[in-house]
Amino acid sequence: MPAKIAKSRRPQAERAAEWGAIEALECEHTRRALRTKYAKVDFYGADILGCTWDGAKVYIQVTAGQSGAVIKRRKKLQAYPWHPSERVMVWQLVERQDVANPRKKNWFFRVWEYGCGKKWDRTWREWPDVIRVPAKWFKAFKKGEDPDRA
């Protein structure tokens, strides 16, 4: 009997991160990295590129893995020379059982942000608060869709 293979949560995490960039970080425009057989669009190792109303860029690398995956992605992002105006983040999708109903799962993102202010101050800082992920964030975000209506 073959061993069970765990289903990857990465596609769901990327969809939820795109919603999160729009709602939590107030990005006006977002774009996801593209990986197909014949084409590849990469944003310096990030999965999501967002642009805020004032033109600042937000780069988000998403993972649904454990802490080892977070460390690996942080090292990958540190290799790039980031401008001080750019925000670089790693978001880890985490699930917890609901205390009131153990069958129900609560989803949220743990967030690490890379401090790009000065060359000697480039460190990773974990946000004290998490970003709660509602169920609608796991559905694909359609361009031109109003996030408040969905």
N, C-alpha and C. Protein backbone atom coordinates (compact mmCIF):
# COMPACT_ATOMS: atom_id res chain seq x y z
N MET A 1 0.84 -1.18 0.00
CA MET A 1 0.00 0.00 0.00
C MET A 1 0.88 1.24 0.00
N PRO A 2 0.67 2.16 -0.94
CA PRO A 2 1.52 3.36 -1.00
C PRO A 2 1.26 4.29 0.18
N ALA A 3 2.29 5.02 0.54
CA ALA A 3 2.17 5.98 1.65
C ALA A 3 1.29 7.15 1.23
N LYS A 4 0.59 7.71 2.20
CA LYS A 4 -0.25 8.87 1.91
C LYS A 4 0.63 10.08 1.66
N ILE A 5 0.26 10.85 0.65
CA ILE A 5 0.99 12.05 0.33
C ILE A 5 0.14 13.24 0.77
N ALA A 6 0.72 14.10 1.56
CA ALA A 6 -0.01 15.26 2.06
C ALA A 6 -0.28 16.24 0.92
N LYS A 7 -1.48 16.78 0.90
CA LYS A 7 -1.83 17.77 -0.10
C LYS A 7 -1.19 19.10 0.28
N SER A 8 -0.56 19.74 -0.69
CA SER A 8 0.09 21.02 -0.43
C SER A 8 -0.95 22.12 -0.27
N ARG A 9 -0.74 22.98 0.69
CA ARG A 9 -1.62 24.12 0.92
C ARG A 9 -1.07 25.38 0.26
N ARG A 10 -0.01 25.25 -0.51
CA ARG A 10 0.63 26.42 -1.11
C ARG A 10 -0.29 27.22 -2.03
N PRO A 11 -1.06 26.59 -2.93
CA PRO A 11 -1.95 27.40 -3.78
C PRO A 11 -2.99 28.17 -2.97
N GLN A 12 -3.55 27.53 -1.93
CA GLN A 12 -4.51 28.23 -1.09
C GLN A 12 -3.83 29.36 -0.33
N ALA A 13 -2.60 29.14 0.11
CA ALA A 13 -1.87 30.18 0.84
C ALA A 13 -1.59 31.38 -0.06
N GLU A 14 -1.26 31.14 -1.32
CA GLU A 14 -0.99 32.24 -2.24
C GLU A 14 -2.26 33.04 -2.53
N ARG A 15 -3.39 32.34 -2.70
CA ARG A 15 -4.65 33.06 -2.92
C ARG A 15 -5.01 33.90 -1.70
N ALA A 16 -4.86 33.32 -0.51
CA ALA A 16 -5.18 34.06 0.72
C ALA A 16 -4.24 35.24 0.91
N ALA A 17 -2.97 35.09 0.53
CA ALA A 17 -2.01 36.18 0.68
C ALA A 17 -2.34 37.34 -0.26
N GLU A 18 -2.86 37.03 -1.44
CA GLU A 18 -3.25 38.11 -2.35
C GLU A 18 -4.41 38.90 -1.75
N TRP A 19 -5.39 38.21 -1.19
CA TRP A 19 -6.49 38.89 -0.50
C TRP A 19 -5.94 39.69 0.68
N GLY A 20 -5.01 39.11 1.43
CA GLY A 20 -4.44 39.78 2.59
C GLY A 20 -3.68 41.04 2.23
N ALA A 21 -2.98 41.01 1.10
CA ALA A 21 -2.26 42.20 0.66
C ALA A 21 -3.23 43.34 0.37
N ILE A 22 -4.38 43.00 -0.16
CA ILE A 22 -5.37 44.02 -0.50
C ILE A 22 -6.08 44.53 0.76
N GLU A 23 -6.49 43.62 1.62
CA GLU A 23 -7.30 44.03 2.77
C GLU A 23 -6.46 44.43 3.98
N ALA A 24 -5.42 43.69 4.30
CA ALA A 24 -4.63 43.99 5.51
C ALA A 24 -3.58 45.07 5.26
N LEU A 25 -2.95 45.06 4.08
CA LEU A 25 -1.88 46.02 3.79
C LEU A 25 -2.36 47.16 2.90
N GLU A 26 -3.61 47.12 2.48
CA GLU A 26 -4.23 48.17 1.67
C GLU A 26 -3.49 48.41 0.35
N CYS A 27 -3.13 47.34 -0.33
CA CYS A 27 -2.51 47.45 -1.65
C CYS A 27 -3.60 47.74 -2.69
N GLU A 28 -3.30 48.66 -3.60
CA GLU A 28 -4.23 49.00 -4.67
C GLU A 28 -4.19 47.95 -5.78
N HIS A 29 -3.00 47.48 -6.11
CA HIS A 29 -2.81 46.51 -7.18
C HIS A 29 -1.96 45.36 -6.66
N THR A 30 -2.27 44.15 -7.11
CA THR A 30 -1.45 42.99 -6.75
C THR A 30 -1.22 42.15 -7.99
N ARG A 31 -0.17 41.37 -7.92
CA ARG A 31 0.13 40.42 -9.00
C ARG A 31 0.82 39.22 -8.38
N ARG A 32 0.40 38.04 -8.78
CA ARG A 32 1.00 36.80 -8.29
C ARG A 32 2.08 36.33 -9.25
N ALA A 33 3.09 35.68 -8.69
CA ALA A 33 4.13 35.10 -9.53
C ALA A 33 3.52 33.97 -10.35
N LEU A 34 4.06 33.76 -11.53
CA LEU A 34 3.52 32.78 -12.47
C LEU A 34 4.56 31.70 -12.70
N ARG A 35 4.13 30.45 -12.56
CA ARG A 35 5.01 29.33 -12.84
C ARG A 35 4.23 28.32 -13.68
N THR A 36 4.55 28.25 -14.95
CA THR A 36 3.93 27.26 -15.83
C THR A 36 5.04 26.53 -16.58
N LYS A 37 4.64 25.65 -17.46
CA LYS A 37 5.62 24.87 -18.21
C LYS A 37 6.46 25.75 -19.13
N TYR A 38 5.85 26.78 -19.73
CA TYR A 38 6.55 27.58 -20.71
C TYR A 38 6.84 29.02 -20.29
N ALA A 39 6.34 29.43 -19.14
CA ALA A 39 6.54 30.83 -18.73
C ALA A 39 6.81 30.90 -17.24
N LYS A 40 7.52 31.94 -16.85
CA LYS A 40 7.80 32.15 -15.44
C LYS A 40 7.91 33.64 -15.20
N VAL A 41 7.18 34.14 -14.23
CA VAL A 41 7.27 35.53 -13.79
C VAL A 41 7.64 35.48 -12.33
N ASP A 42 8.77 36.06 -11.98
CA ASP A 42 9.27 36.00 -10.61
C ASP A 42 9.54 37.41 -10.13
N PHE A 43 9.15 37.70 -8.90
CA PHE A 43 9.36 39.02 -8.32
C PHE A 43 10.46 38.94 -7.26
N TYR A 44 11.69 38.74 -7.69
CA TYR A 44 12.84 38.66 -6.80
C TYR A 44 12.61 37.63 -5.69
N GLY A 45 12.07 36.49 -6.04
CA GLY A 45 11.86 35.43 -5.08
C GLY A 45 10.55 35.53 -4.31
N ALA A 46 9.75 36.53 -4.55
CA ALA A 46 8.49 36.69 -3.83
C ALA A 46 7.33 36.12 -4.66
N ASP A 47 6.27 35.73 -3.96
CA ASP A 47 5.09 35.18 -4.64
C ASP A 47 4.08 36.24 -5.02
N ILE A 48 3.99 37.31 -4.23
CA ILE A 48 3.00 38.36 -4.45
C ILE A 48 3.74 39.70 -4.51
N LEU A 49 3.38 40.51 -5.50
CA LEU A 49 3.86 41.88 -5.58
C LEU A 49 2.65 42.78 -5.44
N GLY A 50 2.68 43.67 -4.47
CA GLY A 50 1.59 44.61 -4.26
C GLY A 50 2.11 46.03 -4.37
N CYS A 51 1.22 46.91 -4.75
CA CYS A 51 1.56 48.33 -4.85
C CYS A 51 0.53 49.11 -4.05
N THR A 52 0.97 49.92 -3.11
CA THR A 52 0.07 50.69 -2.27
C THR A 52 -0.35 51.97 -3.00
N TRP A 53 -1.25 52.73 -2.40
CA TRP A 53 -1.78 53.94 -3.02
C TRP A 53 -0.70 54.99 -3.26
N ASP A 54 0.38 54.98 -2.43
CA ASP A 54 1.45 55.97 -2.61
C ASP A 54 2.59 55.46 -3.49
N GLY A 55 2.43 54.28 -4.10
CA GLY A 55 3.42 53.76 -5.03
C GLY A 55 4.48 52.87 -4.41
N ALA A 56 4.42 52.65 -3.10
CA ALA A 56 5.40 51.78 -2.44
C ALA A 56 5.13 50.32 -2.82
N LYS A 57 6.19 49.56 -2.99
CA LYS A 57 6.08 48.16 -3.37
C LYS A 57 6.11 47.28 -2.12
N VAL A 58 5.31 46.22 -2.16
CA VAL A 58 5.26 45.23 -1.08
C VAL A 58 5.52 43.87 -1.72
N TYR A 59 6.56 43.18 -1.27
CA TYR A 59 6.90 41.85 -1.77
C TYR A 59 6.59 40.85 -0.67
N ILE A 60 5.77 39.83 -1.01
CA ILE A 60 5.36 38.84 -0.02
C ILE A 60 5.74 37.45 -0.51
N GLN A 61 6.50 36.75 0.30
CA GLN A 61 6.82 35.34 0.05
C GLN A 61 5.93 34.53 0.98
N VAL A 62 5.19 33.57 0.43
CA VAL A 62 4.22 32.80 1.19
C VAL A 62 4.70 31.38 1.37
N THR A 63 4.45 30.81 2.54
CA THR A 63 4.74 29.41 2.78
C THR A 63 3.64 28.81 3.62
N ALA A 64 3.39 27.54 3.39
CA ALA A 64 2.44 26.80 4.20
C ALA A 64 3.20 25.74 4.99
N GLY A 65 4.53 25.83 5.00
CA GLY A 65 5.36 24.85 5.67
C GLY A 65 5.67 25.20 7.11
N GLN A 66 6.57 24.46 7.69
CA GLN A 66 6.97 24.64 9.08
C GLN A 66 8.04 25.73 9.18
N SER A 67 8.63 25.87 10.35
CA SER A 67 9.59 26.94 10.60
C SER A 67 10.84 26.81 9.72
N GLY A 68 11.21 25.58 9.34
CA GLY A 68 12.35 25.40 8.46
C GLY A 68 12.13 26.04 7.10
N ALA A 69 10.90 25.97 6.61
CA ALA A 69 10.57 26.59 5.33
C ALA A 69 10.62 28.11 5.43
N VAL A 70 10.24 28.64 6.58
CA VAL A 70 10.29 30.09 6.79
C VAL A 70 11.74 30.57 6.77
N ILE A 71 12.61 29.87 7.46
CA ILE A 71 14.03 30.24 7.51
C ILE A 71 14.65 30.18 6.12
N LYS A 72 14.31 29.15 5.36
CA LYS A 72 14.85 29.00 4.00
C LYS A 72 14.41 30.17 3.11
N ARG A 73 13.16 30.56 3.20
CA ARG A 73 12.66 31.66 2.37
C ARG A 73 13.22 33.01 2.82
N ARG A 74 13.42 33.17 4.10
CA ARG A 74 14.02 34.43 4.58
C ARG A 74 15.44 34.58 4.05
N LYS A 75 16.22 33.50 4.05
CA LYS A 75 17.59 33.56 3.53
C LYS A 75 17.59 33.86 2.03
N LYS A 76 16.61 33.30 1.32
CA LYS A 76 16.50 33.54 -0.12
C LYS A 76 16.23 35.02 -0.40
N LEU A 77 15.36 35.64 0.38
CA LEU A 77 15.02 37.04 0.18
C LEU A 77 16.14 37.98 0.62
N GLN A 78 16.94 37.58 1.60
CA GLN A 78 18.04 38.42 2.06
C GLN A 78 19.11 38.61 1.00
N ALA A 79 19.18 37.73 0.03
CA ALA A 79 20.23 37.80 -0.99
C ALA A 79 20.03 38.96 -1.96
N TYR A 80 18.83 39.52 -2.02
CA TYR A 80 18.54 40.61 -2.96
C TYR A 80 18.81 41.97 -2.33
N PRO A 81 19.29 42.92 -3.14
CA PRO A 81 19.51 44.29 -2.62
C PRO A 81 18.20 45.08 -2.65
N TRP A 82 17.52 45.17 -1.53
CA TRP A 82 16.22 45.84 -1.47
C TRP A 82 16.38 47.33 -1.23
N HIS A 83 15.50 48.10 -1.84
CA HIS A 83 15.47 49.55 -1.63
C HIS A 83 14.79 49.82 -0.29
N PRO A 84 15.19 50.88 0.44
CA PRO A 84 14.57 51.16 1.74
C PRO A 84 13.06 51.41 1.68
N SER A 85 12.54 51.82 0.53
CA SER A 85 11.10 52.08 0.43
C SER A 85 10.29 50.81 0.20
N GLU A 86 10.93 49.69 -0.11
CA GLU A 86 10.22 48.45 -0.39
C GLU A 86 10.03 47.64 0.89
N ARG A 87 8.84 47.08 1.03
CA ARG A 87 8.53 46.22 2.17
C ARG A 87 8.65 44.78 1.73
N VAL A 88 9.44 43.99 2.46
CA VAL A 88 9.67 42.60 2.13
C VAL A 88 9.17 41.76 3.30
N MET A 89 8.32 40.77 3.00
CA MET A 89 7.70 39.99 4.06
C MET A 89 7.67 38.51 3.72
N VAL A 90 7.64 37.71 4.78
CA VAL A 90 7.38 36.27 4.66
C VAL A 90 6.13 36.00 5.49
N TRP A 91 5.13 35.37 4.84
CA TRP A 91 3.89 35.03 5.51
C TRP A 91 3.79 33.51 5.60
N GLN A 92 3.55 33.01 6.81
CA GLN A 92 3.40 31.57 7.03
C GLN A 92 1.94 31.27 7.37
N LEU A 93 1.32 30.41 6.57
CA LEU A 93 -0.07 30.01 6.82
C LEU A 93 -0.08 28.94 7.90
N VAL A 94 -0.86 29.20 8.95
CA VAL A 94 -0.92 28.30 10.10
C VAL A 94 -2.38 28.01 10.40
N GLU A 95 -2.65 26.76 10.80
CA GLU A 95 -4.01 26.40 11.19
C GLU A 95 -4.03 25.97 12.65
N ARG A 96 -5.12 26.30 13.32
CA ARG A 96 -5.33 25.90 14.71
C ARG A 96 -6.76 25.41 14.84
N GLN A 97 -6.98 24.46 15.73
CA GLN A 97 -8.33 24.01 16.00
C GLN A 97 -9.08 25.06 16.81
N ASP A 98 -10.35 25.20 16.50
CA ASP A 98 -11.21 26.11 17.24
C ASP A 98 -11.48 25.50 18.61
N VAL A 99 -11.37 26.29 19.66
CA VAL A 99 -11.58 25.78 21.01
C VAL A 99 -13.04 25.37 21.21
N ALA A 100 -13.97 26.16 20.69
CA ALA A 100 -15.39 25.87 20.87
C ALA A 100 -15.84 24.66 20.05
N ASN A 101 -15.28 24.50 18.85
CA ASN A 101 -15.66 23.40 17.97
C ASN A 101 -14.40 22.77 17.41
N PRO A 102 -13.94 21.64 17.97
CA PRO A 102 -12.67 21.04 17.52
C PRO A 102 -12.66 20.60 16.05
N ARG A 103 -13.82 20.42 15.44
CA ARG A 103 -13.85 20.04 14.02
C ARG A 103 -13.54 21.23 13.11
N LYS A 104 -13.73 22.41 13.63
CA LYS A 104 -13.52 23.62 12.84
C LYS A 104 -12.07 24.09 12.99
N LYS A 105 -11.52 24.62 11.90
CA LYS A 105 -10.13 25.10 11.92
C LYS A 105 -10.12 26.62 11.75
N ASN A 106 -9.24 27.26 12.47
CA ASN A 106 -9.01 28.69 12.31
C ASN A 106 -7.69 28.87 11.57
N TRP A 107 -7.67 29.72 10.56
CA TRP A 107 -6.48 29.95 9.76
C TRP A 107 -5.99 31.37 10.01
N PHE A 108 -4.67 31.52 10.00
CA PHE A 108 -4.08 32.85 10.12
C PHE A 108 -2.68 32.84 9.55
N PHE A 109 -2.16 34.04 9.29
CA PHE A 109 -0.79 34.21 8.80
C PHE A 109 0.08 34.74 9.93
N ARG A 110 1.23 34.11 10.12
CA ARG A 110 2.30 34.69 10.94
C ARG A 110 3.18 35.47 9.98
N VAL A 111 3.55 36.69 10.37
CA VAL A 111 4.23 37.60 9.44
C VAL A 111 5.60 37.98 9.98
N TRP A 112 6.61 37.89 9.11
CA TRP A 112 7.96 38.41 9.38
C TRP A 112 8.25 39.48 8.34
N GLU A 113 8.77 40.60 8.79
CA GLU A 113 9.10 41.70 7.88
C GLU A 113 10.60 41.98 7.95
N TYR A 114 11.17 42.22 6.78
CA TYR A 114 12.61 42.47 6.67
C TYR A 114 12.85 43.96 6.79
N GLY A 115 13.65 44.36 7.77
CA GLY A 115 13.97 45.78 7.97
C GLY A 115 15.02 46.22 6.98
N CYS A 116 14.63 47.05 6.03
CA CYS A 116 15.54 47.49 4.98
C CYS A 116 15.96 48.95 5.14
N GLY A 117 15.75 49.53 6.30
CA GLY A 117 16.04 50.95 6.49
C GLY A 117 17.49 51.30 6.23
N LYS A 118 18.39 50.78 7.00
CA LYS A 118 19.82 51.04 6.85
C LYS A 118 20.54 49.71 6.63
N LYS A 119 21.71 49.79 6.05
CA LYS A 119 22.43 48.58 5.71
C LYS A 119 22.73 47.72 6.95
N TRP A 120 23.03 48.34 8.05
CA TRP A 120 23.38 47.59 9.26
C TRP A 120 22.15 47.19 10.07
N ASP A 121 20.98 47.65 9.65
CA ASP A 121 19.75 47.34 10.38
C ASP A 121 18.87 46.34 9.63
N ARG A 122 19.44 45.52 8.81
CA ARG A 122 18.66 44.56 8.03
C ARG A 122 18.46 43.29 8.84
N THR A 123 17.36 43.26 9.56
CA THR A 123 17.02 42.09 10.37
C THR A 123 15.55 41.74 10.14
N TRP A 124 15.19 40.53 10.49
CA TRP A 124 13.81 40.08 10.38
C TRP A 124 13.11 40.34 11.71
N ARG A 125 11.92 40.92 11.62
CA ARG A 125 11.11 41.17 12.81
C ARG A 125 9.77 40.48 12.64
N GLU A 126 9.34 39.76 13.68
CA GLU A 126 8.03 39.12 13.63
C GLU A 126 6.98 40.09 14.12
N TRP A 127 5.86 40.16 13.41
CA TRP A 127 4.76 41.02 13.83
C TRP A 127 4.17 40.46 15.12
N PRO A 128 3.81 41.32 16.05
CA PRO A 128 3.20 40.81 17.29
C PRO A 128 1.80 40.24 17.08
N ASP A 129 1.09 40.74 16.07
CA ASP A 129 -0.26 40.26 15.78
C ASP A 129 -0.24 39.40 14.52
N VAL A 130 -1.19 38.50 14.46
CA VAL A 130 -1.34 37.66 13.27
C VAL A 130 -2.44 38.24 12.38
N ILE A 131 -2.47 37.80 11.15
CA ILE A 131 -3.52 38.21 10.21
C ILE A 131 -4.49 37.05 10.11
N ARG A 132 -5.70 37.23 10.58
CA ARG A 132 -6.74 36.19 10.49
C ARG A 132 -7.16 36.02 9.04
N VAL A 133 -7.37 34.77 8.64
CA VAL A 133 -7.72 34.45 7.26
C VAL A 133 -9.16 33.95 7.23
N PRO A 134 -10.11 34.77 6.72
CA PRO A 134 -11.48 34.28 6.55
C PRO A 134 -11.57 33.27 5.42
N ALA A 135 -12.63 32.50 5.39
CA ALA A 135 -12.80 31.45 4.38
C ALA A 135 -12.82 32.01 2.96
N LYS A 136 -13.33 33.22 2.76
CA LYS A 136 -13.41 33.78 1.39
C LYS A 136 -12.04 34.03 0.79
N TRP A 137 -11.01 34.17 1.62
CA TRP A 137 -9.67 34.43 1.09
C TRP A 137 -9.08 33.23 0.37
N PHE A 138 -9.62 32.04 0.58
CA PHE A 138 -9.09 30.86 -0.10
C PHE A 138 -9.64 30.72 -1.51
N LYS A 139 -10.60 31.54 -1.88
CA LYS A 139 -11.13 31.54 -3.24
C LYS A 139 -10.30 32.52 -4.08
N ALA A 140 -10.23 32.27 -5.36
CA ALA A 140 -9.42 33.11 -6.25
C ALA A 140 -9.94 34.54 -6.27
N PHE A 141 -9.02 35.49 -6.24
CA PHE A 141 -9.36 36.89 -6.31
C PHE A 141 -9.43 37.30 -7.77
N LYS A 142 -10.55 37.85 -8.17
CA LYS A 142 -10.72 38.29 -9.55
C LYS A 142 -10.38 39.76 -9.65
N LYS A 143 -9.60 40.14 -10.64
CA LYS A 143 -9.23 41.53 -10.84
C LYS A 143 -10.47 42.39 -11.07
N GLY A 144 -10.50 43.54 -10.45
CA GLY A 144 -11.64 44.41 -10.59
C GLY A 144 -12.75 44.12 -9.59
N GLU A 145 -12.58 43.06 -8.81
CA GLU A 145 -13.60 42.69 -7.83
C GLU A 145 -13.43 43.55 -6.58
N ASP A 146 -14.55 43.97 -6.02
CA ASP A 146 -14.53 44.76 -4.79
C ASP A 146 -14.36 43.81 -3.61
N PRO A 147 -13.28 43.92 -2.83
CA PRO A 147 -13.06 42.99 -1.73
C PRO A 147 -14.17 43.04 -0.67
N ASP A 148 -14.87 44.16 -0.54
CA ASP A 148 -15.90 44.27 0.48
C ASP A 148 -17.18 43.55 0.09
N ARG A 149 -17.41 43.35 -1.21
CA ARG A 149 -18.63 42.69 -1.66
C ARG A 149 -18.55 41.19 -1.56
N ALA A 150 -17.38 40.61 -1.65
CA ALA A 150 -17.25 39.15 -1.72
C ALA A 150 -17.54 38.48 -0.41
